[in-house]
Amino acid sequence: MAANPDPIDVHVGSRVRLRRTLLGMSQEKLGDALGLTFQQIQKYERGANRIGSSRLFKLSQILDVPVSFFFDDMPESVEFANRGMSDSPAEPFEADQLSKRETLELVRAYYRIEQPKVRKRMFELVKSIAQNED
């Protein structure tokens, strides 16, 4: 593993993990679909190994998302730092909150709510609680 994985690789890997987990798919099952070991999937998800473009395309098909999904919500500091356009040095990249188990469990529970109106009310409740915390 590289001492300092590229922040983009870390972000893309966290998005792979997010989608795989939301689908309830194991690393082993995803690895089988790609012809890889689960250890290689772990390395991708940590950003330790870079995912090539053809493999990223295959991942998008298996996980049923557009390729752009893997780059969504990328922190601005990562985007600008990698283009050399940042006014200040980039802060060390941390895997985003979406990759935490608690977040994934919350999202899964949210989508198990079958009634759209109830789900929307829950969404609004959580948003209002979060705003009060600020």
N, C-alpha and C. Protein backbone atom coordinates (compact mmCIF):
# COMPACT_ATOMS: atom_id res chain seq x y z
N MET A 1 0.84 -1.18 0.00
CA MET A 1 0.00 0.00 0.00
C MET A 1 0.88 1.24 0.00
N ALA A 2 0.51 2.22 -0.80
CA ALA A 2 1.26 3.46 -0.83
C ALA A 2 1.14 4.16 0.52
N ALA A 3 2.20 4.88 0.88
CA ALA A 3 2.20 5.57 2.16
C ALA A 3 1.06 6.58 2.22
N ASN A 4 0.86 7.31 1.14
CA ASN A 4 -0.20 8.31 1.07
C ASN A 4 -1.02 8.09 -0.19
N PRO A 5 -2.12 7.34 -0.08
CA PRO A 5 -2.92 7.12 -1.28
C PRO A 5 -3.46 8.44 -1.81
N ASP A 6 -3.63 8.51 -3.11
CA ASP A 6 -4.17 9.71 -3.73
C ASP A 6 -5.58 9.95 -3.21
N PRO A 7 -5.89 11.19 -2.81
CA PRO A 7 -7.23 11.48 -2.28
C PRO A 7 -8.36 11.13 -3.23
N ILE A 8 -8.11 11.23 -4.53
CA ILE A 8 -9.16 10.86 -5.50
C ILE A 8 -9.41 9.36 -5.44
N ASP A 9 -8.34 8.57 -5.34
CA ASP A 9 -8.50 7.11 -5.24
C ASP A 9 -9.24 6.74 -3.97
N VAL A 10 -8.97 7.45 -2.88
CA VAL A 10 -9.66 7.20 -1.61
C VAL A 10 -11.14 7.52 -1.76
N HIS A 11 -11.45 8.64 -2.41
CA HIS A 11 -12.85 9.04 -2.59
C HIS A 11 -13.59 8.04 -3.48
N VAL A 12 -12.98 7.69 -4.61
CA VAL A 12 -13.62 6.73 -5.53
C VAL A 12 -13.85 5.41 -4.80
N GLY A 13 -12.85 4.95 -4.05
CA GLY A 13 -12.99 3.70 -3.30
C GLY A 13 -14.11 3.76 -2.27
N SER A 14 -14.24 4.92 -1.60
CA SER A 14 -15.31 5.04 -0.61
C SER A 14 -16.68 5.01 -1.27
N ARG A 15 -16.77 5.52 -2.50
CA ARG A 15 -18.04 5.49 -3.23
C ARG A 15 -18.37 4.06 -3.69
N VAL A 16 -17.33 3.29 -4.05
CA VAL A 16 -17.55 1.88 -4.39
C VAL A 16 -18.11 1.17 -3.15
N ARG A 17 -17.48 1.39 -2.01
CA ARG A 17 -17.93 0.75 -0.76
C ARG A 17 -19.36 1.16 -0.41
N LEU A 18 -19.65 2.45 -0.55
CA LEU A 18 -20.99 2.95 -0.25
C LEU A 18 -22.03 2.22 -1.09
N ARG A 19 -21.83 2.18 -2.39
CA ARG A 19 -22.83 1.57 -3.27
C ARG A 19 -22.93 0.06 -3.03
N ARG A 20 -21.78 -0.59 -2.87
CA ARG A 20 -21.78 -2.04 -2.63
C ARG A 20 -22.56 -2.35 -1.36
N THR A 21 -22.31 -1.56 -0.32
CA THR A 21 -22.97 -1.79 0.96
C THR A 21 -24.47 -1.50 0.88
N LEU A 22 -24.83 -0.43 0.18
CA LEU A 22 -26.26 -0.11 0.02
C LEU A 22 -27.00 -1.22 -0.71
N LEU A 23 -26.30 -1.90 -1.60
CA LEU A 23 -26.92 -3.02 -2.33
C LEU A 23 -26.89 -4.32 -1.51
N GLY A 24 -26.22 -4.29 -0.36
CA GLY A 24 -26.12 -5.49 0.46
C GLY A 24 -25.19 -6.53 -0.15
N MET A 25 -24.23 -6.10 -0.92
CA MET A 25 -23.32 -7.00 -1.61
C MET A 25 -22.02 -7.12 -0.82
N SER A 26 -21.52 -8.33 -0.70
CA SER A 26 -20.25 -8.54 0.01
C SER A 26 -19.08 -8.20 -0.90
N GLN A 27 -17.92 -7.98 -0.30
CA GLN A 27 -16.71 -7.76 -1.09
C GLN A 27 -16.40 -9.00 -1.93
N GLU A 28 -16.67 -10.17 -1.36
CA GLU A 28 -16.41 -11.41 -2.08
C GLU A 28 -17.29 -11.51 -3.33
N LYS A 29 -18.57 -11.18 -3.19
CA LYS A 29 -19.49 -11.26 -4.33
C LYS A 29 -19.09 -10.26 -5.42
N LEU A 30 -18.71 -9.06 -5.01
CA LEU A 30 -18.28 -8.07 -5.99
C LEU A 30 -16.99 -8.52 -6.67
N GLY A 31 -16.08 -9.07 -5.88
CA GLY A 31 -14.84 -9.59 -6.44
C GLY A 31 -15.10 -10.69 -7.45
N ASP A 32 -16.01 -11.61 -7.13
CA ASP A 32 -16.36 -12.69 -8.05
C ASP A 32 -16.90 -12.14 -9.37
N ALA A 33 -17.75 -11.10 -9.27
CA ALA A 33 -18.34 -10.51 -10.47
C ALA A 33 -17.27 -9.87 -11.36
N LEU A 34 -16.18 -9.41 -10.73
CA LEU A 34 -15.09 -8.77 -11.48
C LEU A 34 -13.94 -9.72 -11.80
N GLY A 35 -14.01 -10.93 -11.24
CA GLY A 35 -12.90 -11.87 -11.40
C GLY A 35 -11.70 -11.51 -10.54
N LEU A 36 -11.98 -10.95 -9.37
CA LEU A 36 -10.93 -10.51 -8.44
C LEU A 36 -11.15 -11.13 -7.07
N THR A 37 -10.15 -11.04 -6.22
CA THR A 37 -10.30 -11.51 -4.84
C THR A 37 -10.96 -10.42 -4.01
N PHE A 38 -11.52 -10.80 -2.86
CA PHE A 38 -12.11 -9.80 -1.99
C PHE A 38 -11.03 -8.88 -1.43
N GLN A 39 -9.79 -9.38 -1.34
CA GLN A 39 -8.69 -8.54 -0.86
C GLN A 39 -8.42 -7.38 -1.82
N GLN A 40 -8.55 -7.66 -3.12
CA GLN A 40 -8.35 -6.59 -4.10
C GLN A 40 -9.47 -5.56 -3.98
N ILE A 41 -10.68 -6.01 -3.72
CA ILE A 41 -11.80 -5.08 -3.52
C ILE A 41 -11.52 -4.21 -2.30
N GLN A 42 -11.01 -4.81 -1.22
CA GLN A 42 -10.64 -4.04 -0.02
C GLN A 42 -9.64 -2.95 -0.37
N LYS A 43 -8.64 -3.30 -1.16
CA LYS A 43 -7.62 -2.32 -1.54
C LYS A 43 -8.22 -1.19 -2.36
N TYR A 44 -9.13 -1.53 -3.28
CA TYR A 44 -9.81 -0.49 -4.05
C TYR A 44 -10.60 0.43 -3.12
N GLU A 45 -11.35 -0.17 -2.19
CA GLU A 45 -12.22 0.61 -1.32
C GLU A 45 -11.44 1.51 -0.37
N ARG A 46 -10.23 1.14 -0.03
CA ARG A 46 -9.38 1.98 0.83
C ARG A 46 -8.61 3.01 0.02
N GLY A 47 -8.59 2.87 -1.29
CA GLY A 47 -7.81 3.76 -2.12
C GLY A 47 -6.36 3.35 -2.22
N ALA A 48 -6.04 2.17 -1.68
CA ALA A 48 -4.65 1.68 -1.70
C ALA A 48 -4.23 1.33 -3.12
N ASN A 49 -5.16 0.83 -3.93
CA ASN A 49 -4.90 0.52 -5.34
C ASN A 49 -5.84 1.37 -6.19
N ARG A 50 -5.28 1.90 -7.25
CA ARG A 50 -6.06 2.73 -8.17
C ARG A 50 -6.92 1.84 -9.06
N ILE A 51 -8.15 2.27 -9.32
CA ILE A 51 -9.07 1.53 -10.18
C ILE A 51 -8.91 2.07 -11.60
N GLY A 52 -8.56 1.21 -12.53
CA GLY A 52 -8.41 1.61 -13.93
C GLY A 52 -9.75 1.95 -14.55
N SER A 53 -9.71 2.65 -15.67
CA SER A 53 -10.95 3.12 -16.30
C SER A 53 -11.86 1.98 -16.75
N SER A 54 -11.30 0.91 -17.31
CA SER A 54 -12.16 -0.19 -17.77
C SER A 54 -12.79 -0.91 -16.58
N ARG A 55 -12.04 -1.04 -15.51
CA ARG A 55 -12.58 -1.68 -14.32
C ARG A 55 -13.64 -0.79 -13.66
N LEU A 56 -13.42 0.52 -13.67
CA LEU A 56 -14.41 1.45 -13.12
C LEU A 56 -15.71 1.36 -13.91
N PHE A 57 -15.58 1.22 -15.23
CA PHE A 57 -16.77 1.06 -16.07
C PHE A 57 -17.51 -0.22 -15.71
N LYS A 58 -16.78 -1.33 -15.53
CA LYS A 58 -17.41 -2.59 -15.14
C LYS A 58 -18.07 -2.47 -13.77
N LEU A 59 -17.40 -1.79 -12.85
CA LEU A 59 -17.99 -1.57 -11.52
C LEU A 59 -19.30 -0.81 -11.65
N SER A 60 -19.33 0.20 -12.51
CA SER A 60 -20.57 0.98 -12.66
C SER A 60 -21.70 0.10 -13.18
N GLN A 61 -21.38 -0.84 -14.05
CA GLN A 61 -22.41 -1.75 -14.57
C GLN A 61 -22.89 -2.71 -13.48
N ILE A 62 -21.96 -3.29 -12.75
CA ILE A 62 -22.31 -4.25 -11.71
C ILE A 62 -23.10 -3.58 -10.59
N LEU A 63 -22.68 -2.36 -10.22
CA LEU A 63 -23.32 -1.65 -9.10
C LEU A 63 -24.50 -0.80 -9.57
N ASP A 64 -24.76 -0.82 -10.88
CA ASP A 64 -25.91 -0.13 -11.48
C ASP A 64 -25.94 1.36 -11.16
N VAL A 65 -24.82 2.01 -11.43
CA VAL A 65 -24.71 3.46 -11.28
C VAL A 65 -23.91 4.00 -12.47
N PRO A 66 -24.08 5.28 -12.80
CA PRO A 66 -23.23 5.86 -13.85
C PRO A 66 -21.79 5.99 -13.33
N VAL A 67 -20.83 6.02 -14.21
CA VAL A 67 -19.43 6.16 -13.80
C VAL A 67 -19.25 7.44 -12.97
N SER A 68 -19.99 8.47 -13.30
CA SER A 68 -19.87 9.74 -12.57
C SER A 68 -20.20 9.60 -11.09
N PHE A 69 -20.99 8.58 -10.73
CA PHE A 69 -21.34 8.36 -9.32
C PHE A 69 -20.10 8.29 -8.44
N PHE A 70 -19.04 7.68 -8.94
CA PHE A 70 -17.84 7.48 -8.14
C PHE A 70 -17.10 8.78 -7.85
N PHE A 71 -17.42 9.83 -8.59
CA PHE A 71 -16.78 11.13 -8.39
C PHE A 71 -17.72 12.15 -7.74
N ASP A 72 -18.98 11.78 -7.56
CA ASP A 72 -19.94 12.67 -6.92
C ASP A 72 -19.50 13.00 -5.50
N ASP A 73 -19.84 14.19 -5.06
CA ASP A 73 -19.59 14.65 -3.68
C ASP A 73 -18.11 14.68 -3.32
N MET A 74 -17.26 14.81 -4.31
CA MET A 74 -15.83 14.90 -4.02
C MET A 74 -15.56 16.25 -3.37
N PRO A 75 -14.85 16.25 -2.24
CA PRO A 75 -14.56 17.52 -1.58
C PRO A 75 -13.84 18.48 -2.52
N GLU A 76 -14.24 19.73 -2.46
CA GLU A 76 -13.67 20.75 -3.34
C GLU A 76 -12.15 20.86 -3.15
N SER A 77 -11.69 20.69 -1.94
CA SER A 77 -10.24 20.79 -1.68
C SER A 77 -9.47 19.73 -2.47
N VAL A 78 -10.08 18.56 -2.66
CA VAL A 78 -9.43 17.50 -3.42
C VAL A 78 -9.43 17.86 -4.89
N GLU A 79 -10.57 18.35 -5.39
CA GLU A 79 -10.67 18.71 -6.80
C GLU A 79 -9.64 19.77 -7.17
N PHE A 80 -9.59 20.86 -6.41
CA PHE A 80 -8.70 21.96 -6.75
C PHE A 80 -7.24 21.62 -6.49
N ALA A 81 -6.97 20.88 -5.43
CA ALA A 81 -5.59 20.52 -5.12
C ALA A 81 -4.99 19.69 -6.25
N ASN A 82 -5.78 18.83 -6.84
CA ASN A 82 -5.27 17.98 -7.91
C ASN A 82 -5.17 18.71 -9.24
N ARG A 83 -5.75 19.88 -9.35
CA ARG A 83 -5.62 20.68 -10.56
C ARG A 83 -4.58 21.77 -10.35
N GLY A 84 -4.00 21.83 -9.15
CA GLY A 84 -3.03 22.86 -8.86
C GLY A 84 -3.65 24.24 -8.78
N MET A 85 -4.94 24.31 -8.45
CA MET A 85 -5.65 25.58 -8.45
C MET A 85 -6.04 26.03 -7.06
N SER A 86 -5.62 25.32 -6.06
CA SER A 86 -6.00 25.68 -4.71
C SER A 86 -5.18 26.87 -4.24
N ASP A 87 -5.83 27.79 -3.53
CA ASP A 87 -5.12 28.94 -2.97
C ASP A 87 -4.27 28.52 -1.79
N SER A 88 -4.68 27.47 -1.13
CA SER A 88 -3.95 27.01 0.05
C SER A 88 -3.68 25.52 -0.10
N PRO A 89 -2.69 25.02 0.63
CA PRO A 89 -2.41 23.58 0.53
C PRO A 89 -3.62 22.77 0.97
N ALA A 90 -3.81 21.67 0.30
CA ALA A 90 -4.94 20.80 0.64
C ALA A 90 -4.73 20.19 2.01
N GLU A 91 -5.81 20.10 2.77
CA GLU A 91 -5.74 19.44 4.05
C GLU A 91 -5.73 17.94 3.81
N PRO A 92 -5.16 17.18 4.73
CA PRO A 92 -5.16 15.72 4.54
C PRO A 92 -6.58 15.22 4.32
N PHE A 93 -6.71 14.36 3.35
CA PHE A 93 -8.04 13.86 2.98
C PHE A 93 -8.47 12.76 3.93
N GLU A 94 -9.69 12.87 4.42
CA GLU A 94 -10.27 11.83 5.25
C GLU A 94 -11.43 11.22 4.48
N ALA A 95 -11.60 9.92 4.61
CA ALA A 95 -12.75 9.28 3.96
C ALA A 95 -14.01 9.98 4.45
N ASP A 96 -14.89 10.29 3.53
CA ASP A 96 -16.07 11.06 3.91
C ASP A 96 -17.01 10.28 4.82
N GLN A 97 -17.95 11.01 5.37
CA GLN A 97 -18.90 10.44 6.32
C GLN A 97 -19.75 9.34 5.70
N LEU A 98 -19.88 9.34 4.38
CA LEU A 98 -20.71 8.33 3.73
C LEU A 98 -20.17 6.92 3.87
N SER A 99 -18.89 6.80 4.15
CA SER A 99 -18.31 5.46 4.24
C SER A 99 -18.39 4.87 5.64
N LYS A 100 -18.88 5.63 6.60
CA LYS A 100 -18.99 5.11 7.96
C LYS A 100 -20.18 4.15 8.07
N ARG A 101 -20.02 3.11 8.86
CA ARG A 101 -21.06 2.10 9.03
C ARG A 101 -22.37 2.72 9.53
N GLU A 102 -22.28 3.64 10.47
CA GLU A 102 -23.48 4.28 11.01
C GLU A 102 -24.27 4.99 9.90
N THR A 103 -23.59 5.68 9.03
CA THR A 103 -24.25 6.37 7.92
C THR A 103 -24.94 5.38 6.99
N LEU A 104 -24.24 4.31 6.68
CA LEU A 104 -24.80 3.30 5.78
C LEU A 104 -26.03 2.64 6.39
N GLU A 105 -25.97 2.35 7.68
CA GLU A 105 -27.13 1.75 8.35
C GLU A 105 -28.31 2.71 8.36
N LEU A 106 -28.04 4.00 8.57
CA LEU A 106 -29.10 5.00 8.56
C LEU A 106 -29.75 5.09 7.18
N VAL A 107 -28.95 5.09 6.15
CA VAL A 107 -29.48 5.17 4.78
C VAL A 107 -30.30 3.93 4.45
N ARG A 108 -29.80 2.78 4.82
CA ARG A 108 -30.56 1.54 4.57
C ARG A 108 -31.91 1.57 5.29
N ALA A 109 -31.90 1.98 6.56
CA ALA A 109 -33.14 2.05 7.33
C ALA A 109 -34.11 3.05 6.69
N TYR A 110 -33.59 4.17 6.26
CA TYR A 110 -34.41 5.20 5.63
C TYR A 110 -35.13 4.64 4.40
N TYR A 111 -34.40 3.93 3.56
CA TYR A 111 -35.00 3.41 2.33
C TYR A 111 -35.89 2.19 2.57
N ARG A 112 -35.86 1.63 3.77
CA ARG A 112 -36.80 0.55 4.09
C ARG A 112 -38.17 1.10 4.47
N ILE A 113 -38.25 2.40 4.71
CA ILE A 113 -39.55 3.03 4.99
C ILE A 113 -40.32 3.06 3.67
N GLU A 114 -41.41 2.32 3.62
CA GLU A 114 -42.12 2.13 2.36
C GLU A 114 -43.01 3.31 1.97
N GLN A 115 -43.55 4.02 2.93
CA GLN A 115 -44.47 5.10 2.62
C GLN A 115 -43.69 6.39 2.32
N PRO A 116 -43.81 6.91 1.11
CA PRO A 116 -43.06 8.11 0.71
C PRO A 116 -43.29 9.31 1.62
N LYS A 117 -44.53 9.51 2.08
CA LYS A 117 -44.81 10.66 2.95
C LYS A 117 -44.09 10.52 4.30
N VAL A 118 -44.09 9.32 4.84
CA VAL A 118 -43.41 9.08 6.11
C VAL A 118 -41.90 9.26 5.93
N ARG A 119 -41.39 8.74 4.83
CA ARG A 119 -39.96 8.87 4.55
C ARG A 119 -39.59 10.35 4.42
N LYS A 120 -40.41 11.12 3.74
CA LYS A 120 -40.15 12.56 3.57
C LYS A 120 -40.18 13.28 4.91
N ARG A 121 -41.12 12.92 5.78
CA ARG A 121 -41.20 13.54 7.11
C ARG A 121 -39.96 13.21 7.93
N MET A 122 -39.52 11.98 7.83
CA MET A 122 -38.31 11.58 8.55
C MET A 122 -37.11 12.39 8.05
N PHE A 123 -37.03 12.56 6.76
CA PHE A 123 -35.95 13.34 6.16
C PHE A 123 -35.97 14.78 6.69
N GLU A 124 -37.13 15.38 6.70
CA GLU A 124 -37.26 16.76 7.18
C GLU A 124 -36.93 16.85 8.68
N LEU A 125 -37.33 15.86 9.45
CA LEU A 125 -37.03 15.84 10.88
C LEU A 125 -35.52 15.81 11.12
N VAL A 126 -34.84 14.93 10.42
CA VAL A 126 -33.39 14.82 10.59
C VAL A 126 -32.70 16.11 10.17
N LYS A 127 -33.15 16.70 9.06
CA LYS A 127 -32.57 17.97 8.62
C LYS A 127 -32.77 19.06 9.67
N SER A 128 -33.96 19.14 10.26
CA SER A 128 -34.22 20.19 11.25
C SER A 128 -33.39 19.97 12.51
N ILE A 129 -33.21 18.74 12.92
CA ILE A 129 -32.37 18.45 14.09
C ILE A 129 -30.92 18.86 13.80
N ALA A 130 -30.44 18.55 12.62
CA ALA A 130 -29.06 18.89 12.24
C ALA A 130 -28.87 20.40 12.20
N GLN A 131 -29.85 21.14 11.72
CA GLN A 131 -29.75 22.60 11.67
C GLN A 131 -29.70 23.18 13.07
N ASN A 132 -30.43 22.58 14.00
CA ASN A 132 -30.41 23.07 15.38
C ASN A 132 -29.08 22.82 16.07
N GLU A 133 -28.33 21.82 15.57
CA GLU A 133 -27.02 21.51 16.14
C GLU A 133 -25.97 22.55 15.75
N ASP A 134 -26.19 23.21 14.61
CA ASP A 134 -25.22 24.21 14.12
C ASP A 134 -25.31 25.43 14.93
